[in-house]
Amino acid sequence: MNDTATNAHDVDLMEVGSEGQQYLTFMLAGEEYGVDILRVQEIKGWDTVTKIPNTPEYIRGVINLRGTIVPLIDLRLRFSLAQLDYGATTVVIVIKVLNENRKERTMGIVVDAVSDVYNISNDDFRAAPDFGTAVDTDFIRGLATVNEQMVILLEIDNMCNSAELKIIDSISE
């Protein structure tokens, strides 16, 4: 998977290409979510982390990945889902995100399990619904129907650059 993520910063991340895109999908609380596969650096099994004091609960800590300090976000906690004990299928998806200055950084997201890789065509892609101000949809890039199942496609740059995560920037740089 490392080779597929090497030129992620060269891709227009807000536009679905004319032929569609590939998404790595994963499970959280029985729902399937997806991230642009070009942003995925690698997938690792869950291991211990170094906890960082005074950080939000969803920031599980940091790991040292071949000399790079990688902050880990538990997506269950980030999305206010029930916390579960980590098990054999719990994985960390290491992704490349762009901050507000378009600078690339490495982050990890903890998910229940990896699901599949899908080619999602423009015909299957739908913009995120507008719920007004009651629901924050900044993390949702769009929705897709794959094999008659709804897949929630995430906007990882927004999700991984919220105000709370600025704490991590000062630790990992």
N, C-alpha and C. Protein backbone atom coordinates (compact mmCIF):
# COMPACT_ATOMS: atom_id res chain seq x y z
N MET A 1 0.80 -1.20 0.00
CA MET A 1 0.00 0.00 0.00
C MET A 1 0.84 1.27 0.00
N ASN A 2 2.07 1.21 0.45
CA ASN A 2 2.90 2.40 0.51
C ASN A 2 3.03 3.09 -0.83
N ASP A 3 3.19 2.35 -1.90
CA ASP A 3 3.42 2.94 -3.21
C ASP A 3 2.21 3.72 -3.71
N THR A 4 1.00 3.34 -3.32
CA THR A 4 -0.18 4.03 -3.81
C THR A 4 -0.34 5.41 -3.21
N ALA A 5 0.32 5.69 -2.11
CA ALA A 5 0.12 6.97 -1.43
C ALA A 5 1.23 7.97 -1.72
N THR A 6 2.20 7.65 -2.55
CA THR A 6 3.37 8.49 -2.69
C THR A 6 3.08 9.85 -3.28
N ASN A 7 2.12 9.99 -4.18
CA ASN A 7 1.83 11.27 -4.79
C ASN A 7 0.47 11.82 -4.40
N ALA A 8 0.05 11.58 -3.17
CA ALA A 8 -1.27 12.03 -2.74
C ALA A 8 -1.43 13.53 -2.85
N HIS A 9 -0.37 14.29 -2.61
CA HIS A 9 -0.48 15.74 -2.64
C HIS A 9 -0.68 16.26 -4.06
N ASP A 10 -0.45 15.46 -5.09
CA ASP A 10 -0.64 15.87 -6.47
C ASP A 10 -2.08 15.69 -6.94
N VAL A 11 -2.94 15.13 -6.11
CA VAL A 11 -4.31 14.82 -6.49
C VAL A 11 -5.23 15.93 -6.01
N ASP A 12 -6.17 16.36 -6.85
CA ASP A 12 -7.18 17.31 -6.41
C ASP A 12 -8.15 16.56 -5.52
N LEU A 13 -8.08 16.82 -4.23
CA LEU A 13 -8.78 15.99 -3.26
C LEU A 13 -10.27 16.30 -3.17
N MET A 14 -10.72 17.42 -3.68
CA MET A 14 -12.12 17.78 -3.54
C MET A 14 -12.95 17.40 -4.78
N GLU A 15 -12.32 16.84 -5.78
CA GLU A 15 -13.03 16.54 -7.00
C GLU A 15 -12.98 15.05 -7.29
N VAL A 16 -14.10 14.47 -7.60
CA VAL A 16 -14.14 13.07 -8.02
C VAL A 16 -13.84 13.06 -9.51
N GLY A 17 -12.84 12.30 -9.92
CA GLY A 17 -12.46 12.25 -11.33
C GLY A 17 -13.58 11.73 -12.21
N SER A 18 -13.42 11.91 -13.52
CA SER A 18 -14.48 11.52 -14.44
C SER A 18 -14.76 10.02 -14.39
N GLU A 19 -13.76 9.24 -14.06
CA GLU A 19 -13.94 7.79 -13.96
C GLU A 19 -14.22 7.33 -12.53
N GLY A 20 -14.19 8.25 -11.58
CA GLY A 20 -14.38 7.90 -10.19
C GLY A 20 -13.05 7.72 -9.49
N GLN A 21 -13.09 7.20 -8.28
CA GLN A 21 -11.90 7.00 -7.48
C GLN A 21 -12.00 5.69 -6.71
N GLN A 22 -10.84 5.26 -6.19
CA GLN A 22 -10.81 4.09 -5.32
C GLN A 22 -10.81 4.54 -3.87
N TYR A 23 -11.56 3.82 -3.06
CA TYR A 23 -11.65 4.11 -1.63
C TYR A 23 -11.37 2.86 -0.84
N LEU A 24 -10.55 3.00 0.20
CA LEU A 24 -10.38 1.94 1.18
C LEU A 24 -11.52 2.11 2.17
N THR A 25 -12.26 1.04 2.41
CA THR A 25 -13.38 1.14 3.33
C THR A 25 -13.08 0.37 4.62
N PHE A 26 -13.73 0.82 5.68
CA PHE A 26 -13.54 0.21 6.99
C PHE A 26 -14.84 0.30 7.76
N MET A 27 -14.92 -0.48 8.83
CA MET A 27 -16.13 -0.55 9.63
C MET A 27 -15.97 0.19 10.95
N LEU A 28 -17.06 0.85 11.33
CA LEU A 28 -17.18 1.49 12.64
C LEU A 28 -18.62 1.30 13.08
N ALA A 29 -18.82 0.61 14.17
CA ALA A 29 -20.16 0.41 14.74
C ALA A 29 -21.16 -0.09 13.69
N GLY A 30 -20.72 -1.02 12.84
CA GLY A 30 -21.61 -1.62 11.86
C GLY A 30 -21.84 -0.80 10.61
N GLU A 31 -21.29 0.40 10.52
CA GLU A 31 -21.40 1.23 9.33
C GLU A 31 -20.10 1.19 8.55
N GLU A 32 -20.20 1.33 7.23
CA GLU A 32 -19.01 1.30 6.39
C GLU A 32 -18.64 2.73 5.98
N TYR A 33 -17.37 3.05 6.18
CA TYR A 33 -16.81 4.36 5.85
C TYR A 33 -15.69 4.16 4.85
N GLY A 34 -15.36 5.22 4.11
CA GLY A 34 -14.28 5.11 3.14
C GLY A 34 -13.40 6.34 3.12
N VAL A 35 -12.11 6.11 2.80
CA VAL A 35 -11.15 7.19 2.59
C VAL A 35 -10.47 6.97 1.25
N ASP A 36 -10.10 8.05 0.61
CA ASP A 36 -9.40 7.99 -0.67
C ASP A 36 -8.16 7.12 -0.52
N ILE A 37 -8.04 6.09 -1.33
CA ILE A 37 -6.94 5.14 -1.19
C ILE A 37 -5.58 5.80 -1.46
N LEU A 38 -5.57 6.86 -2.24
CA LEU A 38 -4.31 7.55 -2.50
C LEU A 38 -3.74 8.23 -1.26
N ARG A 39 -4.57 8.37 -0.24
CA ARG A 39 -4.13 9.00 1.00
C ARG A 39 -3.64 7.98 2.03
N VAL A 40 -3.85 6.69 1.76
CA VAL A 40 -3.49 5.63 2.70
C VAL A 40 -2.01 5.28 2.53
N GLN A 41 -1.28 5.35 3.64
CA GLN A 41 0.14 4.98 3.61
C GLN A 41 0.31 3.51 3.94
N GLU A 42 -0.37 3.05 5.00
CA GLU A 42 -0.30 1.63 5.37
C GLU A 42 -1.39 1.31 6.38
N ILE A 43 -1.55 0.01 6.62
CA ILE A 43 -2.51 -0.49 7.61
C ILE A 43 -1.72 -1.32 8.60
N LYS A 44 -1.91 -1.04 9.90
CA LYS A 44 -1.19 -1.75 10.96
C LYS A 44 -2.18 -2.34 11.96
N GLY A 45 -1.81 -3.43 12.56
CA GLY A 45 -2.59 -3.95 13.67
C GLY A 45 -2.45 -3.03 14.88
N TRP A 46 -3.42 -3.08 15.77
CA TRP A 46 -3.38 -2.24 16.97
C TRP A 46 -2.21 -2.65 17.85
N ASP A 47 -1.52 -1.68 18.41
CA ASP A 47 -0.42 -1.91 19.32
C ASP A 47 -0.48 -0.81 20.39
N THR A 48 0.36 -0.89 21.36
CA THR A 48 0.36 0.11 22.42
C THR A 48 0.82 1.46 21.88
N VAL A 49 0.39 2.52 22.55
CA VAL A 49 0.72 3.88 22.15
C VAL A 49 1.29 4.64 23.35
N THR A 50 1.93 5.73 23.06
CA THR A 50 2.39 6.64 24.11
C THR A 50 1.29 7.69 24.30
N LYS A 51 0.72 7.73 25.48
CA LYS A 51 -0.38 8.66 25.76
C LYS A 51 0.18 10.07 25.93
N ILE A 52 -0.57 11.06 25.48
CA ILE A 52 -0.21 12.46 25.61
C ILE A 52 -1.19 13.10 26.60
N PRO A 53 -0.68 13.67 27.69
CA PRO A 53 -1.58 14.27 28.68
C PRO A 53 -2.32 15.49 28.13
N ASN A 54 -3.49 15.75 28.70
CA ASN A 54 -4.30 16.92 28.38
C ASN A 54 -4.73 17.00 26.92
N THR A 55 -5.01 15.85 26.32
CA THR A 55 -5.55 15.82 24.96
C THR A 55 -6.97 15.26 25.02
N PRO A 56 -7.78 15.57 24.03
CA PRO A 56 -9.14 15.00 24.01
C PRO A 56 -9.08 13.48 24.05
N GLU A 57 -10.15 12.87 24.58
CA GLU A 57 -10.18 11.42 24.75
C GLU A 57 -9.98 10.66 23.44
N TYR A 58 -10.48 11.21 22.33
CA TYR A 58 -10.38 10.51 21.05
C TYR A 58 -8.96 10.47 20.50
N ILE A 59 -8.06 11.30 21.02
CA ILE A 59 -6.66 11.21 20.64
C ILE A 59 -6.02 10.17 21.55
N ARG A 60 -5.77 8.99 20.99
CA ARG A 60 -5.31 7.86 21.80
C ARG A 60 -3.86 7.99 22.21
N GLY A 61 -3.08 8.82 21.50
CA GLY A 61 -1.67 8.99 21.79
C GLY A 61 -0.89 9.05 20.49
N VAL A 62 0.39 8.71 20.58
CA VAL A 62 1.25 8.73 19.39
C VAL A 62 2.03 7.42 19.32
N ILE A 63 2.45 7.09 18.09
CA ILE A 63 3.34 5.95 17.87
C ILE A 63 4.55 6.46 17.09
N ASN A 64 5.63 5.70 17.19
CA ASN A 64 6.81 5.99 16.40
C ASN A 64 6.80 5.02 15.22
N LEU A 65 6.59 5.55 14.04
CA LEU A 65 6.52 4.74 12.82
C LEU A 65 7.77 5.02 11.99
N ARG A 66 8.78 4.18 12.19
CA ARG A 66 10.05 4.31 11.48
C ARG A 66 10.60 5.73 11.56
N GLY A 67 10.60 6.29 12.78
CA GLY A 67 11.19 7.60 13.02
C GLY A 67 10.23 8.77 12.91
N THR A 68 9.00 8.53 12.48
CA THR A 68 8.00 9.59 12.38
C THR A 68 7.01 9.44 13.54
N ILE A 69 6.77 10.54 14.25
CA ILE A 69 5.78 10.52 15.33
C ILE A 69 4.40 10.67 14.69
N VAL A 70 3.54 9.67 14.92
CA VAL A 70 2.23 9.61 14.27
C VAL A 70 1.15 9.67 15.35
N PRO A 71 0.35 10.75 15.39
CA PRO A 71 -0.78 10.81 16.31
C PRO A 71 -1.89 9.87 15.86
N LEU A 72 -2.57 9.24 16.85
CA LEU A 72 -3.66 8.30 16.55
C LEU A 72 -4.99 8.86 17.05
N ILE A 73 -5.98 8.81 16.18
CA ILE A 73 -7.34 9.24 16.51
C ILE A 73 -8.24 8.03 16.48
N ASP A 74 -8.95 7.78 17.57
CA ASP A 74 -9.95 6.71 17.61
C ASP A 74 -11.23 7.27 16.99
N LEU A 75 -11.59 6.78 15.80
CA LEU A 75 -12.75 7.34 15.11
C LEU A 75 -14.06 7.05 15.83
N ARG A 76 -14.14 5.95 16.57
CA ARG A 76 -15.35 5.70 17.35
C ARG A 76 -15.59 6.85 18.32
N LEU A 77 -14.54 7.23 19.02
CA LEU A 77 -14.66 8.32 19.99
C LEU A 77 -14.83 9.67 19.30
N ARG A 78 -14.15 9.85 18.18
CA ARG A 78 -14.25 11.11 17.43
C ARG A 78 -15.67 11.34 16.95
N PHE A 79 -16.36 10.27 16.58
CA PHE A 79 -17.72 10.37 16.08
C PHE A 79 -18.78 10.13 17.17
N SER A 80 -18.35 10.16 18.42
CA SER A 80 -19.25 9.99 19.58
C SER A 80 -20.00 8.66 19.54
N LEU A 81 -19.32 7.61 19.12
CA LEU A 81 -19.88 6.27 19.14
C LEU A 81 -19.43 5.57 20.43
N ALA A 82 -20.10 4.50 20.79
CA ALA A 82 -19.74 3.75 22.00
C ALA A 82 -18.32 3.21 21.87
N GLN A 83 -17.56 3.31 22.94
CA GLN A 83 -16.19 2.79 22.95
C GLN A 83 -16.22 1.28 23.13
N LEU A 84 -15.38 0.58 22.38
CA LEU A 84 -15.25 -0.86 22.51
C LEU A 84 -13.80 -1.20 22.85
N ASP A 85 -13.62 -2.36 23.49
CA ASP A 85 -12.26 -2.84 23.69
C ASP A 85 -11.67 -3.19 22.34
N TYR A 86 -10.39 -2.90 22.16
CA TYR A 86 -9.73 -3.23 20.90
C TYR A 86 -9.56 -4.74 20.82
N GLY A 87 -9.79 -5.28 19.63
CA GLY A 87 -9.71 -6.73 19.44
C GLY A 87 -8.80 -7.10 18.28
N ALA A 88 -8.94 -8.33 17.83
CA ALA A 88 -8.07 -8.87 16.78
C ALA A 88 -8.26 -8.15 15.44
N THR A 89 -9.45 -7.59 15.18
CA THR A 89 -9.68 -6.92 13.91
C THR A 89 -9.42 -5.42 13.96
N THR A 90 -9.18 -4.87 15.16
CA THR A 90 -8.91 -3.43 15.30
C THR A 90 -7.61 -3.10 14.59
N VAL A 91 -7.67 -2.08 13.74
CA VAL A 91 -6.48 -1.68 12.99
C VAL A 91 -6.29 -0.17 13.03
N VAL A 92 -5.06 0.21 12.71
CA VAL A 92 -4.72 1.62 12.53
C VAL A 92 -4.47 1.81 11.04
N ILE A 93 -5.20 2.74 10.45
CA ILE A 93 -4.97 3.10 9.06
C ILE A 93 -4.12 4.37 9.10
N VAL A 94 -2.90 4.27 8.59
CA VAL A 94 -1.99 5.42 8.56
C VAL A 94 -2.27 6.18 7.27
N ILE A 95 -2.62 7.47 7.42
CA ILE A 95 -3.02 8.28 6.28
C ILE A 95 -2.19 9.55 6.21
N LYS A 96 -2.17 10.12 5.03
CA LYS A 96 -1.56 11.43 4.80
C LYS A 96 -2.68 12.45 4.71
N VAL A 97 -2.58 13.51 5.50
CA VAL A 97 -3.57 14.58 5.46
C VAL A 97 -2.85 15.89 5.17
N LEU A 98 -3.61 16.85 4.66
CA LEU A 98 -3.08 18.18 4.38
C LEU A 98 -3.67 19.15 5.40
N ASN A 99 -2.79 19.95 6.02
CA ASN A 99 -3.29 20.94 6.98
C ASN A 99 -3.74 22.19 6.23
N GLU A 100 -4.12 23.23 6.97
CA GLU A 100 -4.64 24.45 6.36
C GLU A 100 -3.63 25.09 5.41
N ASN A 101 -2.35 24.87 5.65
CA ASN A 101 -1.30 25.44 4.80
C ASN A 101 -0.91 24.50 3.66
N ARG A 102 -1.70 23.43 3.46
CA ARG A 102 -1.45 22.41 2.43
C ARG A 102 -0.16 21.64 2.67
N LYS A 103 0.29 21.65 3.93
CA LYS A 103 1.47 20.87 4.31
C LYS A 103 1.00 19.47 4.69
N GLU A 104 1.70 18.46 4.19
CA GLU A 104 1.32 17.07 4.43
C GLU A 104 1.82 16.61 5.80
N ARG A 105 0.97 15.86 6.49
CA ARG A 105 1.39 15.23 7.74
C ARG A 105 0.79 13.84 7.81
N THR A 106 1.39 13.01 8.65
CA THR A 106 0.95 11.63 8.80
C THR A 106 0.14 11.50 10.08
N MET A 107 -1.01 10.83 9.98
CA MET A 107 -1.88 10.59 11.13
C MET A 107 -2.34 9.14 11.05
N GLY A 108 -2.81 8.63 12.16
CA GLY A 108 -3.38 7.29 12.19
C GLY A 108 -4.81 7.35 12.68
N ILE A 109 -5.68 6.56 12.08
CA ILE A 109 -7.06 6.47 12.55
C ILE A 109 -7.31 5.03 12.99
N VAL A 110 -7.87 4.88 14.18
CA VAL A 110 -8.16 3.56 14.74
C VAL A 110 -9.60 3.22 14.36
N VAL A 111 -9.77 2.05 13.71
CA VAL A 111 -11.09 1.62 13.24
C VAL A 111 -11.35 0.19 13.69
N ASP A 112 -12.61 -0.23 13.61
CA ASP A 112 -12.99 -1.58 14.04
C ASP A 112 -12.37 -2.66 13.16
N ALA A 113 -12.40 -2.44 11.84
CA ALA A 113 -11.87 -3.44 10.90
C ALA A 113 -11.80 -2.82 9.51
N VAL A 114 -10.85 -3.28 8.71
CA VAL A 114 -10.79 -2.88 7.31
C VAL A 114 -11.80 -3.73 6.56
N SER A 115 -12.47 -3.13 5.59
CA SER A 115 -13.51 -3.83 4.87
C SER A 115 -13.08 -4.22 3.46
N ASP A 116 -12.89 -3.23 2.56
CA ASP A 116 -12.67 -3.55 1.16
C ASP A 116 -12.07 -2.35 0.46
N VAL A 117 -11.76 -2.50 -0.81
CA VAL A 117 -11.40 -1.38 -1.69
C VAL A 117 -12.44 -1.34 -2.78
N TYR A 118 -13.07 -0.18 -2.96
CA TYR A 118 -14.12 -0.02 -3.97
C TYR A 118 -13.72 1.03 -4.99
N ASN A 119 -14.06 0.76 -6.24
CA ASN A 119 -14.03 1.79 -7.28
C ASN A 119 -15.39 2.46 -7.24
N ILE A 120 -15.42 3.73 -6.93
CA ILE A 120 -16.69 4.44 -6.84
C ILE A 120 -16.78 5.41 -8.01
N SER A 121 -17.72 5.15 -8.87
CA SER A 121 -17.90 5.98 -10.06
C SER A 121 -18.69 7.24 -9.71
N ASN A 122 -18.65 8.19 -10.62
CA ASN A 122 -19.41 9.42 -10.41
C ASN A 122 -20.90 9.14 -10.26
N ASP A 123 -21.40 8.12 -10.95
CA ASP A 123 -22.83 7.80 -10.87
C ASP A 123 -23.22 7.32 -9.48
N ASP A 124 -22.28 6.72 -8.75
CA ASP A 124 -22.57 6.20 -7.42
C ASP A 124 -22.29 7.22 -6.31
N PHE A 125 -21.65 8.33 -6.66
CA PHE A 125 -21.24 9.34 -5.68
C PHE A 125 -22.34 10.38 -5.50
N ARG A 126 -22.65 10.71 -4.25
CA ARG A 126 -23.63 11.76 -3.92
C ARG A 126 -23.00 12.71 -2.91
N ALA A 127 -23.28 13.99 -3.06
CA ALA A 127 -22.77 14.98 -2.12
C ALA A 127 -23.34 14.72 -0.73
N ALA A 128 -22.62 15.19 0.28
CA ALA A 128 -23.11 15.05 1.66
C ALA A 128 -24.43 15.80 1.80
N PRO A 129 -25.38 15.20 2.50
CA PRO A 129 -26.67 15.88 2.68
C PRO A 129 -26.51 17.11 3.55
N ASP A 130 -27.38 18.08 3.36
CA ASP A 130 -27.38 19.30 4.16
C ASP A 130 -28.40 19.15 5.28
N PHE A 131 -27.89 19.09 6.51
CA PHE A 131 -28.77 18.97 7.67
C PHE A 131 -28.96 20.32 8.35
N GLY A 132 -28.50 21.40 7.72
CA GLY A 132 -28.56 22.71 8.35
C GLY A 132 -27.47 22.81 9.40
N THR A 133 -27.69 23.65 10.38
CA THR A 133 -26.68 23.85 11.42
C THR A 133 -26.76 22.81 12.54
N ALA A 134 -27.78 21.96 12.52
CA ALA A 134 -27.97 20.99 13.60
C ALA A 134 -26.92 19.88 13.57
N VAL A 135 -26.40 19.54 12.40
CA VAL A 135 -25.44 18.45 12.26
C VAL A 135 -24.23 18.95 11.48
N ASP A 136 -23.04 18.69 12.02
CA ASP A 136 -21.80 19.09 11.37
C ASP A 136 -21.41 18.01 10.36
N THR A 137 -21.44 18.37 9.08
CA THR A 137 -21.09 17.41 8.03
C THR A 137 -19.74 17.74 7.39
N ASP A 138 -18.92 18.54 8.06
CA ASP A 138 -17.60 18.90 7.51
C ASP A 138 -16.72 17.68 7.28
N PHE A 139 -16.96 16.59 8.03
CA PHE A 139 -16.13 15.40 7.91
C PHE A 139 -16.58 14.49 6.77
N ILE A 140 -17.75 14.77 6.19
CA ILE A 140 -18.31 13.89 5.17
C ILE A 140 -18.07 14.49 3.79
N ARG A 141 -17.36 13.75 2.96
CA ARG A 141 -17.10 14.17 1.58
C ARG A 141 -18.31 13.87 0.71
N GLY A 142 -18.93 12.73 0.98
CA GLY A 142 -20.10 12.34 0.22
C GLY A 142 -20.56 10.96 0.61
N LEU A 143 -21.55 10.48 -0.09
CA LEU A 143 -22.10 9.14 0.14
C LEU A 143 -22.07 8.38 -1.17
N ALA A 144 -21.94 7.09 -1.07
CA ALA A 144 -21.94 6.25 -2.27
C ALA A 144 -22.72 4.98 -1.97
N THR A 145 -23.36 4.46 -3.01
CA THR A 145 -24.04 3.18 -2.90
C THR A 145 -23.18 2.15 -3.62
N VAL A 146 -22.76 1.13 -2.85
CA VAL A 146 -21.94 0.06 -3.40
C VAL A 146 -22.60 -1.25 -3.01
N ASN A 147 -22.94 -2.07 -4.01
CA ASN A 147 -23.61 -3.34 -3.74
C ASN A 147 -24.84 -3.14 -2.86
N GLU A 148 -25.58 -2.10 -3.16
CA GLU A 148 -26.81 -1.74 -2.45
C GLU A 148 -26.60 -1.40 -0.98
N GLN A 149 -25.36 -1.06 -0.60
CA GLN A 149 -25.03 -0.62 0.76
C GLN A 149 -24.55 0.82 0.69
N MET A 150 -24.90 1.61 1.69
CA MET A 150 -24.46 2.99 1.76
C MET A 150 -23.07 3.03 2.38
N VAL A 151 -22.14 3.75 1.74
CA VAL A 151 -20.79 3.96 2.24
C VAL A 151 -20.61 5.45 2.47
N ILE A 152 -20.15 5.82 3.66
CA ILE A 152 -19.92 7.22 4.00
C ILE A 152 -18.47 7.53 3.68
N LEU A 153 -18.26 8.45 2.74
CA LEU A 153 -16.91 8.82 2.31
C LEU A 153 -16.46 10.04 3.13
N LEU A 154 -15.32 9.89 3.79
CA LEU A 154 -14.86 10.91 4.72
C LEU A 154 -13.96 11.94 4.06
N GLU A 155 -14.06 13.16 4.55
CA GLU A 155 -13.16 14.25 4.18
C GLU A 155 -12.10 14.32 5.28
N ILE A 156 -11.02 13.57 5.11
CA ILE A 156 -10.06 13.39 6.19
C ILE A 156 -9.27 14.65 6.52
N ASP A 157 -9.10 15.55 5.56
CA ASP A 157 -8.37 16.78 5.87
C ASP A 157 -9.13 17.60 6.91
N ASN A 158 -10.44 17.72 6.74
CA ASN A 158 -11.24 18.46 7.73
C ASN A 158 -11.28 17.72 9.06
N MET A 159 -11.43 16.41 9.00
CA MET A 159 -11.53 15.61 10.21
C MET A 159 -10.25 15.65 11.04
N CYS A 160 -9.12 15.68 10.38
CA CYS A 160 -7.84 15.60 11.07
C CYS A 160 -7.18 16.96 11.27
N ASN A 161 -7.90 18.05 11.03
CA ASN A 161 -7.33 19.39 11.21
C ASN A 161 -8.20 20.27 12.08
N SER A 162 -9.03 19.68 12.91
CA SER A 162 -9.88 20.47 13.77
C SER A 162 -9.04 21.20 14.82
N ALA A 163 -9.66 22.13 15.50
CA ALA A 163 -8.95 22.96 16.48
C ALA A 163 -8.27 22.13 17.56
N GLU A 164 -8.93 21.05 18.01
CA GLU A 164 -8.34 20.22 19.07
C GLU A 164 -7.04 19.57 18.63
N LEU A 165 -6.92 19.28 17.35
CA LEU A 165 -5.74 18.57 16.86
C LEU A 165 -4.53 19.49 16.68
N LYS A 166 -4.69 20.77 16.85
CA LYS A 166 -3.55 21.67 16.77
C LYS A 166 -2.56 21.36 17.90
N ILE A 167 -3.05 20.76 18.97
CA ILE A 167 -2.18 20.32 20.06
C ILE A 167 -1.17 19.31 19.53
N ILE A 168 -1.63 18.40 18.69
CA ILE A 168 -0.78 17.36 18.14
C ILE A 168 0.30 17.96 17.24
N ASP A 169 -0.03 19.01 16.50
CA ASP A 169 0.96 19.64 15.64
C ASP A 169 2.19 20.07 16.45
N SER A 170 1.95 20.63 17.60
CA SER A 170 3.08 21.11 18.40
C SER A 170 3.90 19.94 18.97
N ILE A 171 3.29 18.78 19.15
CA ILE A 171 3.99 17.61 19.68
C ILE A 171 4.78 16.90 18.59
N SER A 172 4.16 16.75 17.41
CA SER A 172 4.74 15.90 16.38
C SER A 172 5.72 16.62 15.47
N GLU A 173 5.90 17.91 15.61
CA GLU A 173 6.84 18.62 14.73
C GLU A 173 8.18 18.81 15.40
